[in-house]
Amino acid sequence: MAVPRSFTVLLAVVALGVSNACRPNDAGDGRQPAAASITPADEARIRSADSAFAAAANAGDADAIVALYAEDATLLAPNLPPQKGRDAIKAFWGGFLEAYTVRFESGSDTIEGRGDLAYNRGHFRFTAVPKAKGGPGVAEEGKFVEILKKQPDGGWKYVVDMYSSNLALQH
């Protein structure tokens, strides 16, 4: 049985439409092409920011910690409202480091991103010894998620920093 010419033309038009729909967009219709993945150099800079955080925490340097956050960053610490902006973040870390001598370690489990945004998912462990006599110490381990934004100088700063404990609640 012969296929009608009109059916063959319709099939060709449908096939052409499907192939165009599956093609990356470069037609200038306002949609943006997908941003490129972060580079190995970007990943190294993100790891460097986390290393700088650990070094600053271990040195008791709240100013150095706060310098790693974007101006409009948000810290999402457990059992507290969001700490929004560098001033609030400095008050949080400054108060903690004023009260405790800290030994902090962290590691990244996944770093991924596109364009000028990336996320870092990892784990941490720290001990905090009170500077005042008689206060209880703290030993903690847990996980974190950071969202970072690439800066004009090529560095990366935290825009969202969230962490939580792996330890069972103490009642």
N, C-alpha and C. Protein backbone atom coordinates (compact mmCIF):
# COMPACT_ATOMS: atom_id res chain seq x y z
N MET A 1 0.84 -1.16 0.00
CA MET A 1 0.00 0.00 0.00
C MET A 1 0.89 1.23 0.00
N ALA A 2 0.59 2.18 -0.82
CA ALA A 2 1.38 3.40 -0.95
C ALA A 2 0.98 4.37 0.14
N VAL A 3 1.97 5.10 0.67
CA VAL A 3 1.73 6.12 1.69
C VAL A 3 1.42 7.42 0.97
N PRO A 4 0.32 8.09 1.34
CA PRO A 4 -0.02 9.34 0.67
C PRO A 4 1.08 10.38 0.90
N ARG A 5 1.31 11.16 -0.14
CA ARG A 5 2.35 12.18 -0.09
C ARG A 5 2.10 13.16 1.06
N SER A 6 0.87 13.53 1.34
CA SER A 6 0.57 14.48 2.42
C SER A 6 0.99 13.91 3.78
N PHE A 7 0.86 12.60 3.98
CA PHE A 7 1.29 11.97 5.23
C PHE A 7 2.80 12.02 5.36
N THR A 8 3.52 11.78 4.26
CA THR A 8 4.98 11.82 4.27
C THR A 8 5.47 13.23 4.60
N VAL A 9 4.83 14.25 4.01
CA VAL A 9 5.20 15.64 4.30
C VAL A 9 4.92 15.96 5.77
N LEU A 10 3.77 15.54 6.31
CA LEU A 10 3.43 15.77 7.71
C LEU A 10 4.45 15.11 8.63
N LEU A 11 4.84 13.89 8.33
CA LEU A 11 5.83 13.16 9.13
C LEU A 11 7.17 13.91 9.12
N ALA A 12 7.58 14.42 7.98
CA ALA A 12 8.83 15.17 7.87
C ALA A 12 8.76 16.45 8.70
N VAL A 13 7.64 17.16 8.68
CA VAL A 13 7.49 18.40 9.45
C VAL A 13 7.56 18.09 10.95
N VAL A 14 6.88 17.03 11.39
CA VAL A 14 6.92 16.64 12.80
C VAL A 14 8.34 16.26 13.21
N ALA A 15 9.05 15.50 12.40
CA ALA A 15 10.42 15.11 12.72
C ALA A 15 11.32 16.33 12.83
N LEU A 16 11.16 17.28 11.92
CA LEU A 16 11.95 18.51 11.97
C LEU A 16 11.64 19.29 13.24
N GLY A 17 10.39 19.38 13.63
CA GLY A 17 10.01 20.09 14.85
C GLY A 17 10.60 19.44 16.09
N VAL A 18 10.56 18.11 16.15
CA VAL A 18 11.13 17.40 17.29
C VAL A 18 12.63 17.61 17.35
N SER A 19 13.31 17.55 16.22
CA SER A 19 14.77 17.73 16.24
C SER A 19 15.13 19.15 16.66
N ASN A 20 14.37 20.14 16.26
CA ASN A 20 14.64 21.52 16.68
C ASN A 20 14.36 21.71 18.17
N ALA A 21 13.34 21.05 18.69
CA ALA A 21 13.02 21.18 20.11
C ALA A 21 14.10 20.57 20.99
N CYS A 22 14.82 19.58 20.50
CA CYS A 22 15.86 18.91 21.27
C CYS A 22 17.23 19.58 21.13
N ARG A 23 17.34 20.54 20.25
CA ARG A 23 18.60 21.23 20.01
C ARG A 23 18.84 22.30 21.06
N PRO A 24 20.11 22.54 21.48
CA PRO A 24 20.36 23.65 22.41
C PRO A 24 19.87 24.96 21.81
N ASN A 25 19.40 25.84 22.68
CA ASN A 25 18.83 27.11 22.22
C ASN A 25 19.93 28.10 21.86
N ASP A 26 19.90 28.57 20.63
CA ASP A 26 20.79 29.65 20.21
C ASP A 26 20.05 30.61 19.29
N ALA A 27 18.71 30.58 19.37
CA ALA A 27 17.89 31.35 18.45
C ALA A 27 17.61 32.75 18.95
N GLY A 28 18.11 33.13 20.13
CA GLY A 28 17.88 34.47 20.62
C GLY A 28 16.46 34.71 21.09
N ASP A 29 15.78 33.69 21.61
CA ASP A 29 14.40 33.86 22.03
C ASP A 29 14.29 34.24 23.51
N GLY A 30 15.40 34.68 24.11
CA GLY A 30 15.35 35.13 25.50
C GLY A 30 15.77 34.08 26.50
N ARG A 31 15.74 32.82 26.13
CA ARG A 31 16.18 31.78 27.06
C ARG A 31 17.70 31.77 27.08
N GLN A 32 18.26 31.58 28.27
CA GLN A 32 19.71 31.54 28.42
C GLN A 32 20.20 30.10 28.29
N PRO A 33 21.32 29.90 27.61
CA PRO A 33 21.90 28.57 27.59
C PRO A 33 22.40 28.22 28.98
N ALA A 34 22.52 26.94 29.26
CA ALA A 34 22.97 26.49 30.57
C ALA A 34 24.38 27.02 30.84
N ALA A 35 24.61 27.47 32.08
CA ALA A 35 25.93 27.96 32.47
C ALA A 35 26.89 26.79 32.56
N ALA A 36 28.14 27.07 32.33
CA ALA A 36 29.17 26.04 32.40
C ALA A 36 29.41 25.62 33.84
N SER A 37 29.82 24.38 34.02
CA SER A 37 30.18 23.89 35.34
C SER A 37 31.38 24.66 35.86
N ILE A 38 31.52 24.67 37.20
CA ILE A 38 32.68 25.34 37.77
C ILE A 38 33.94 24.59 37.35
N THR A 39 35.04 25.30 37.33
CA THR A 39 36.31 24.73 36.90
C THR A 39 37.03 24.08 38.08
N PRO A 40 38.04 23.27 37.80
CA PRO A 40 38.87 22.74 38.90
C PRO A 40 39.50 23.87 39.73
N ALA A 41 39.86 24.98 39.09
CA ALA A 41 40.41 26.12 39.84
C ALA A 41 39.37 26.71 40.78
N ASP A 42 38.10 26.80 40.33
CA ASP A 42 37.02 27.27 41.19
C ASP A 42 36.85 26.34 42.39
N GLU A 43 36.87 25.04 42.12
CA GLU A 43 36.73 24.07 43.21
C GLU A 43 37.87 24.24 44.21
N ALA A 44 39.08 24.46 43.74
CA ALA A 44 40.23 24.67 44.64
C ALA A 44 40.03 25.93 45.47
N ARG A 45 39.49 26.98 44.88
CA ARG A 45 39.25 28.23 45.62
C ARG A 45 38.17 28.03 46.69
N ILE A 46 37.17 27.23 46.38
CA ILE A 46 36.12 26.93 47.37
C ILE A 46 36.72 26.14 48.53
N ARG A 47 37.54 25.16 48.22
CA ARG A 47 38.22 24.39 49.29
C ARG A 47 39.12 25.33 50.11
N SER A 48 39.74 26.27 49.44
CA SER A 48 40.60 27.23 50.13
C SER A 48 39.81 28.09 51.10
N ALA A 49 38.59 28.48 50.71
CA ALA A 49 37.73 29.25 51.61
C ALA A 49 37.42 28.44 52.86
N ASP A 50 37.12 27.16 52.70
CA ASP A 50 36.85 26.32 53.87
C ASP A 50 38.09 26.14 54.74
N SER A 51 39.25 26.02 54.12
CA SER A 51 40.50 25.92 54.89
C SER A 51 40.75 27.21 55.67
N ALA A 52 40.47 28.34 55.03
CA ALA A 52 40.63 29.64 55.70
C ALA A 52 39.65 29.76 56.87
N PHE A 53 38.44 29.23 56.70
CA PHE A 53 37.46 29.25 57.79
C PHE A 53 38.00 28.47 58.98
N ALA A 54 38.49 27.25 58.73
CA ALA A 54 39.01 26.41 59.82
C ALA A 54 40.20 27.10 60.50
N ALA A 55 41.10 27.66 59.73
CA ALA A 55 42.27 28.33 60.30
C ALA A 55 41.84 29.52 61.16
N ALA A 56 40.86 30.30 60.67
CA ALA A 56 40.39 31.46 61.43
C ALA A 56 39.69 31.02 62.72
N ALA A 57 38.87 29.98 62.64
CA ALA A 57 38.18 29.48 63.84
C ALA A 57 39.21 29.00 64.86
N ASN A 58 40.19 28.26 64.41
CA ASN A 58 41.22 27.74 65.32
C ASN A 58 42.06 28.86 65.92
N ALA A 59 42.20 29.97 65.20
CA ALA A 59 42.95 31.13 65.70
C ALA A 59 42.07 32.06 66.54
N GLY A 60 40.75 31.78 66.59
CA GLY A 60 39.84 32.64 67.33
C GLY A 60 39.62 33.99 66.66
N ASP A 61 39.73 34.04 65.34
CA ASP A 61 39.68 35.28 64.58
C ASP A 61 38.33 35.45 63.89
N ALA A 62 37.38 36.08 64.57
CA ALA A 62 36.03 36.27 64.01
C ALA A 62 36.07 37.17 62.78
N ASP A 63 36.95 38.17 62.74
CA ASP A 63 37.03 39.06 61.57
C ASP A 63 37.41 38.28 60.32
N ALA A 64 38.36 37.36 60.46
CA ALA A 64 38.78 36.54 59.31
C ALA A 64 37.66 35.61 58.86
N ILE A 65 36.89 35.10 59.80
CA ILE A 65 35.74 34.26 59.44
C ILE A 65 34.72 35.10 58.66
N VAL A 66 34.37 36.24 59.19
CA VAL A 66 33.34 37.08 58.57
C VAL A 66 33.77 37.53 57.17
N ALA A 67 35.05 37.72 56.94
CA ALA A 67 35.53 38.13 55.62
C ALA A 67 35.23 37.09 54.55
N LEU A 68 34.94 35.86 54.95
CA LEU A 68 34.63 34.79 53.99
C LEU A 68 33.16 34.82 53.53
N TYR A 69 32.35 35.64 54.17
CA TYR A 69 30.93 35.74 53.85
C TYR A 69 30.67 36.96 52.96
N ALA A 70 29.73 36.84 52.04
CA ALA A 70 29.27 37.98 51.26
C ALA A 70 28.56 38.96 52.19
N GLU A 71 28.48 40.22 51.78
CA GLU A 71 27.83 41.26 52.61
C GLU A 71 26.41 40.87 53.01
N ASP A 72 25.67 40.25 52.10
CA ASP A 72 24.26 39.92 52.36
C ASP A 72 24.06 38.44 52.70
N ALA A 73 25.10 37.79 53.19
CA ALA A 73 25.04 36.36 53.50
C ALA A 73 24.08 36.08 54.65
N THR A 74 23.66 34.81 54.73
CA THR A 74 22.82 34.33 55.82
C THR A 74 23.46 33.09 56.42
N LEU A 75 23.60 33.09 57.74
CA LEU A 75 24.09 31.92 58.48
C LEU A 75 22.87 31.27 59.12
N LEU A 76 22.70 29.97 58.86
CA LEU A 76 21.58 29.20 59.41
C LEU A 76 22.15 28.20 60.41
N ALA A 77 22.37 28.68 61.62
CA ALA A 77 22.88 27.83 62.71
C ALA A 77 21.71 27.11 63.36
N PRO A 78 21.96 25.95 63.94
CA PRO A 78 20.86 25.21 64.57
C PRO A 78 20.27 25.96 65.76
N ASN A 79 18.97 25.83 65.91
CA ASN A 79 18.23 26.32 67.07
C ASN A 79 18.28 27.84 67.24
N LEU A 80 18.53 28.56 66.16
CA LEU A 80 18.57 30.02 66.18
C LEU A 80 17.86 30.56 64.94
N PRO A 81 17.36 31.79 65.02
CA PRO A 81 16.84 32.39 63.79
C PRO A 81 17.99 32.67 62.82
N PRO A 82 17.70 32.87 61.56
CA PRO A 82 18.76 33.18 60.60
C PRO A 82 19.56 34.41 61.01
N GLN A 83 20.86 34.33 60.87
CA GLN A 83 21.76 35.45 61.11
C GLN A 83 22.03 36.08 59.75
N LYS A 84 21.43 37.25 59.50
CA LYS A 84 21.46 37.86 58.17
C LYS A 84 22.44 39.03 58.14
N GLY A 85 23.37 38.98 57.20
CA GLY A 85 24.33 40.04 57.02
C GLY A 85 25.58 39.84 57.86
N ARG A 86 26.65 40.50 57.44
CA ARG A 86 27.93 40.33 58.11
C ARG A 86 27.92 40.74 59.58
N ASP A 87 27.18 41.80 59.93
CA ASP A 87 27.17 42.23 61.33
C ASP A 87 26.59 41.15 62.23
N ALA A 88 25.48 40.55 61.82
CA ALA A 88 24.87 39.49 62.62
C ALA A 88 25.76 38.25 62.66
N ILE A 89 26.37 37.94 61.54
CA ILE A 89 27.26 36.77 61.49
C ILE A 89 28.48 37.00 62.36
N LYS A 90 29.01 38.23 62.35
CA LYS A 90 30.16 38.54 63.22
C LYS A 90 29.77 38.45 64.68
N ALA A 91 28.58 38.93 65.04
CA ALA A 91 28.12 38.83 66.43
C ALA A 91 28.03 37.36 66.85
N PHE A 92 27.52 36.51 65.96
CA PHE A 92 27.41 35.09 66.27
C PHE A 92 28.78 34.47 66.49
N TRP A 93 29.65 34.54 65.46
CA TRP A 93 30.96 33.90 65.58
C TRP A 93 31.83 34.59 66.63
N GLY A 94 31.74 35.92 66.72
CA GLY A 94 32.53 36.65 67.71
C GLY A 94 32.17 36.23 69.13
N GLY A 95 30.88 36.11 69.41
CA GLY A 95 30.45 35.66 70.73
C GLY A 95 30.92 34.26 71.05
N PHE A 96 30.84 33.39 70.06
CA PHE A 96 31.28 32.00 70.26
C PHE A 96 32.78 31.94 70.52
N LEU A 97 33.55 32.64 69.69
CA LEU A 97 35.01 32.58 69.83
C LEU A 97 35.50 33.36 71.05
N GLU A 98 34.71 34.29 71.54
CA GLU A 98 35.07 35.00 72.78
C GLU A 98 34.90 34.07 73.97
N ALA A 99 33.94 33.19 73.91
CA ALA A 99 33.63 32.30 75.03
C ALA A 99 34.44 31.00 75.01
N TYR A 100 34.90 30.58 73.83
CA TYR A 100 35.54 29.27 73.70
C TYR A 100 36.84 29.33 72.93
N THR A 101 37.74 28.42 73.28
CA THR A 101 38.91 28.11 72.46
C THR A 101 38.50 26.92 71.60
N VAL A 102 38.65 27.05 70.29
CA VAL A 102 38.07 26.09 69.36
C VAL A 102 39.15 25.30 68.64
N ARG A 103 38.86 24.05 68.42
CA ARG A 103 39.65 23.19 67.51
C ARG A 103 38.66 22.67 66.48
N PHE A 104 38.79 23.13 65.22
CA PHE A 104 37.80 22.89 64.18
C PHE A 104 38.45 22.17 63.00
N GLU A 105 37.75 21.17 62.46
CA GLU A 105 38.16 20.46 61.24
C GLU A 105 36.93 20.30 60.36
N SER A 106 37.15 20.37 59.04
CA SER A 106 36.04 20.12 58.13
C SER A 106 36.56 19.51 56.84
N GLY A 107 35.65 18.94 56.09
CA GLY A 107 35.99 18.36 54.80
C GLY A 107 34.79 18.42 53.86
N SER A 108 35.08 18.59 52.60
CA SER A 108 34.03 18.64 51.58
C SER A 108 33.75 17.24 51.06
N ASP A 109 32.47 16.93 50.89
CA ASP A 109 32.06 15.66 50.29
C ASP A 109 31.64 15.86 48.84
N THR A 110 31.04 17.00 48.53
CA THR A 110 30.60 17.31 47.17
C THR A 110 30.71 18.81 46.94
N ILE A 111 31.32 19.18 45.86
CA ILE A 111 31.33 20.57 45.41
C ILE A 111 30.87 20.57 43.97
N GLU A 112 29.80 21.31 43.71
CA GLU A 112 29.27 21.41 42.34
C GLU A 112 28.75 22.82 42.14
N GLY A 113 28.66 23.21 40.89
CA GLY A 113 28.11 24.52 40.61
C GLY A 113 28.04 24.80 39.13
N ARG A 114 27.42 25.91 38.81
CA ARG A 114 27.28 26.40 37.44
C ARG A 114 27.48 27.90 37.46
N GLY A 115 28.23 28.42 36.53
CA GLY A 115 28.41 29.85 36.44
C GLY A 115 29.05 30.41 37.69
N ASP A 116 28.38 31.39 38.31
CA ASP A 116 28.97 32.05 39.47
C ASP A 116 28.38 31.58 40.80
N LEU A 117 27.63 30.45 40.80
CA LEU A 117 27.09 29.88 42.02
C LEU A 117 27.56 28.44 42.18
N ALA A 118 27.85 28.06 43.41
CA ALA A 118 28.27 26.69 43.70
C ALA A 118 27.74 26.29 45.07
N TYR A 119 27.69 25.00 45.31
CA TYR A 119 27.38 24.53 46.65
C TYR A 119 28.46 23.56 47.10
N ASN A 120 28.64 23.54 48.39
CA ASN A 120 29.62 22.67 49.03
C ASN A 120 28.90 21.93 50.14
N ARG A 121 28.85 20.61 50.03
CA ARG A 121 28.25 19.78 51.08
C ARG A 121 29.37 19.00 51.73
N GLY A 122 29.42 19.04 53.07
CA GLY A 122 30.53 18.37 53.73
C GLY A 122 30.22 18.02 55.18
N HIS A 123 31.29 17.78 55.92
CA HIS A 123 31.20 17.35 57.31
C HIS A 123 32.19 18.16 58.15
N PHE A 124 31.92 18.22 59.46
CA PHE A 124 32.81 18.94 60.36
C PHE A 124 32.88 18.23 61.70
N ARG A 125 33.89 18.62 62.44
CA ARG A 125 34.07 18.17 63.82
C ARG A 125 34.78 19.29 64.56
N PHE A 126 34.33 19.58 65.76
CA PHE A 126 35.05 20.57 66.55
C PHE A 126 34.90 20.29 68.04
N THR A 127 35.86 20.81 68.78
CA THR A 127 35.76 20.87 70.23
C THR A 127 35.88 22.33 70.61
N ALA A 128 35.20 22.69 71.67
CA ALA A 128 35.22 24.05 72.17
C ALA A 128 35.41 23.99 73.68
N VAL A 129 36.53 24.53 74.15
CA VAL A 129 36.85 24.55 75.57
C VAL A 129 36.53 25.95 76.09
N PRO A 130 35.72 26.04 77.16
CA PRO A 130 35.35 27.36 77.66
C PRO A 130 36.56 28.12 78.19
N LYS A 131 36.59 29.42 77.91
CA LYS A 131 37.67 30.26 78.42
C LYS A 131 37.44 30.60 79.88
N ALA A 132 36.18 30.63 80.31
CA ALA A 132 35.85 30.86 81.72
C ALA A 132 35.91 29.53 82.46
N LYS A 133 36.45 29.57 83.67
CA LYS A 133 36.54 28.34 84.46
C LYS A 133 35.15 27.86 84.86
N GLY A 134 35.00 26.54 84.81
CA GLY A 134 33.78 25.92 85.29
C GLY A 134 32.67 25.74 84.26
N GLY A 135 32.81 26.34 83.10
CA GLY A 135 31.78 26.19 82.08
C GLY A 135 31.93 24.85 81.37
N PRO A 136 30.83 24.34 80.80
CA PRO A 136 30.91 23.06 80.09
C PRO A 136 31.58 23.23 78.72
N GLY A 137 32.32 22.24 78.34
CA GLY A 137 32.91 22.21 77.01
C GLY A 137 31.92 21.64 76.00
N VAL A 138 32.30 21.73 74.74
CA VAL A 138 31.44 21.25 73.67
C VAL A 138 32.28 20.38 72.74
N ALA A 139 31.72 19.25 72.37
CA ALA A 139 32.30 18.41 71.32
C ALA A 139 31.17 18.16 70.33
N GLU A 140 31.43 18.42 69.06
CA GLU A 140 30.36 18.36 68.07
C GLU A 140 30.88 17.78 66.77
N GLU A 141 30.02 17.07 66.10
CA GLU A 141 30.30 16.65 64.72
C GLU A 141 28.99 16.73 63.95
N GLY A 142 29.11 17.03 62.67
CA GLY A 142 27.90 17.19 61.89
C GLY A 142 28.18 17.40 60.42
N LYS A 143 27.20 18.01 59.76
CA LYS A 143 27.29 18.22 58.31
C LYS A 143 26.92 19.67 58.00
N PHE A 144 27.31 20.10 56.81
CA PHE A 144 27.01 21.46 56.40
C PHE A 144 26.69 21.50 54.92
N VAL A 145 25.98 22.56 54.55
CA VAL A 145 25.76 22.93 53.15
C VAL A 145 26.05 24.41 53.05
N GLU A 146 26.90 24.76 52.11
CA GLU A 146 27.22 26.16 51.85
C GLU A 146 26.85 26.47 50.40
N ILE A 147 26.27 27.62 50.20
CA ILE A 147 26.08 28.14 48.85
C ILE A 147 27.05 29.30 48.72
N LEU A 148 27.85 29.26 47.68
CA LEU A 148 28.88 30.27 47.48
C LEU A 148 28.67 31.00 46.16
N LYS A 149 29.09 32.25 46.14
CA LYS A 149 28.99 33.08 44.93
C LYS A 149 30.40 33.53 44.55
N LYS A 150 30.70 33.39 43.26
CA LYS A 150 32.00 33.81 42.76
C LYS A 150 32.08 35.33 42.78
N GLN A 151 33.21 35.84 43.22
CA GLN A 151 33.44 37.27 43.33
C GLN A 151 34.21 37.79 42.11
N PRO A 152 34.16 39.09 41.86
CA PRO A 152 34.88 39.64 40.71
C PRO A 152 36.37 39.32 40.68
N ASP A 153 36.98 39.12 41.87
CA ASP A 153 38.41 38.79 41.91
C ASP A 153 38.68 37.30 41.69
N GLY A 154 37.63 36.50 41.46
CA GLY A 154 37.79 35.07 41.23
C GLY A 154 37.64 34.22 42.48
N GLY A 155 37.63 34.86 43.66
CA GLY A 155 37.41 34.13 44.90
C GLY A 155 35.93 33.79 45.07
N TRP A 156 35.63 33.03 46.09
CA TRP A 156 34.26 32.61 46.38
C TRP A 156 33.92 32.99 47.81
N LYS A 157 32.70 33.48 48.02
CA LYS A 157 32.23 33.84 49.36
C LYS A 157 30.92 33.11 49.65
N TYR A 158 30.74 32.82 50.94
CA TYR A 158 29.51 32.17 51.38
C TYR A 158 28.35 33.16 51.27
N VAL A 159 27.25 32.73 50.66
CA VAL A 159 26.01 33.52 50.67
C VAL A 159 24.97 32.86 51.57
N VAL A 160 25.05 31.55 51.72
CA VAL A 160 24.23 30.81 52.68
C VAL A 160 25.13 29.75 53.30
N ASP A 161 25.09 29.66 54.62
CA ASP A 161 25.89 28.68 55.36
C ASP A 161 24.97 28.04 56.38
N MET A 162 24.76 26.74 56.24
CA MET A 162 23.85 26.01 57.14
C MET A 162 24.56 24.77 57.66
N TYR A 163 24.44 24.54 58.96
CA TYR A 163 25.04 23.34 59.52
C TYR A 163 24.14 22.75 60.59
N SER A 164 24.35 21.45 60.85
CA SER A 164 23.59 20.77 61.89
C SER A 164 24.40 19.60 62.43
N SER A 165 24.00 19.16 63.61
CA SER A 165 24.71 18.11 64.34
C SER A 165 24.34 16.72 63.84
N ASN A 166 25.26 15.82 63.97
CA ASN A 166 24.99 14.39 63.78
C ASN A 166 24.70 13.70 65.11
N LEU A 167 24.92 14.39 66.23
CA LEU A 167 24.78 13.78 67.54
C LEU A 167 23.34 13.82 68.03
N ALA A 168 22.99 12.84 68.83
CA ALA A 168 21.64 12.78 69.39
C ALA A 168 21.43 13.93 70.36
N LEU A 169 20.21 14.43 70.42
CA LEU A 169 19.87 15.49 71.38
C LEU A 169 20.11 15.01 72.79
N GLN A 170 20.61 15.91 73.63
CA GLN A 170 20.83 15.60 75.04
C GLN A 170 19.67 16.19 75.85
N HIS A 171 18.99 15.35 76.61
CA HIS A 171 17.87 15.85 77.44
C HIS A 171 18.19 15.77 78.89
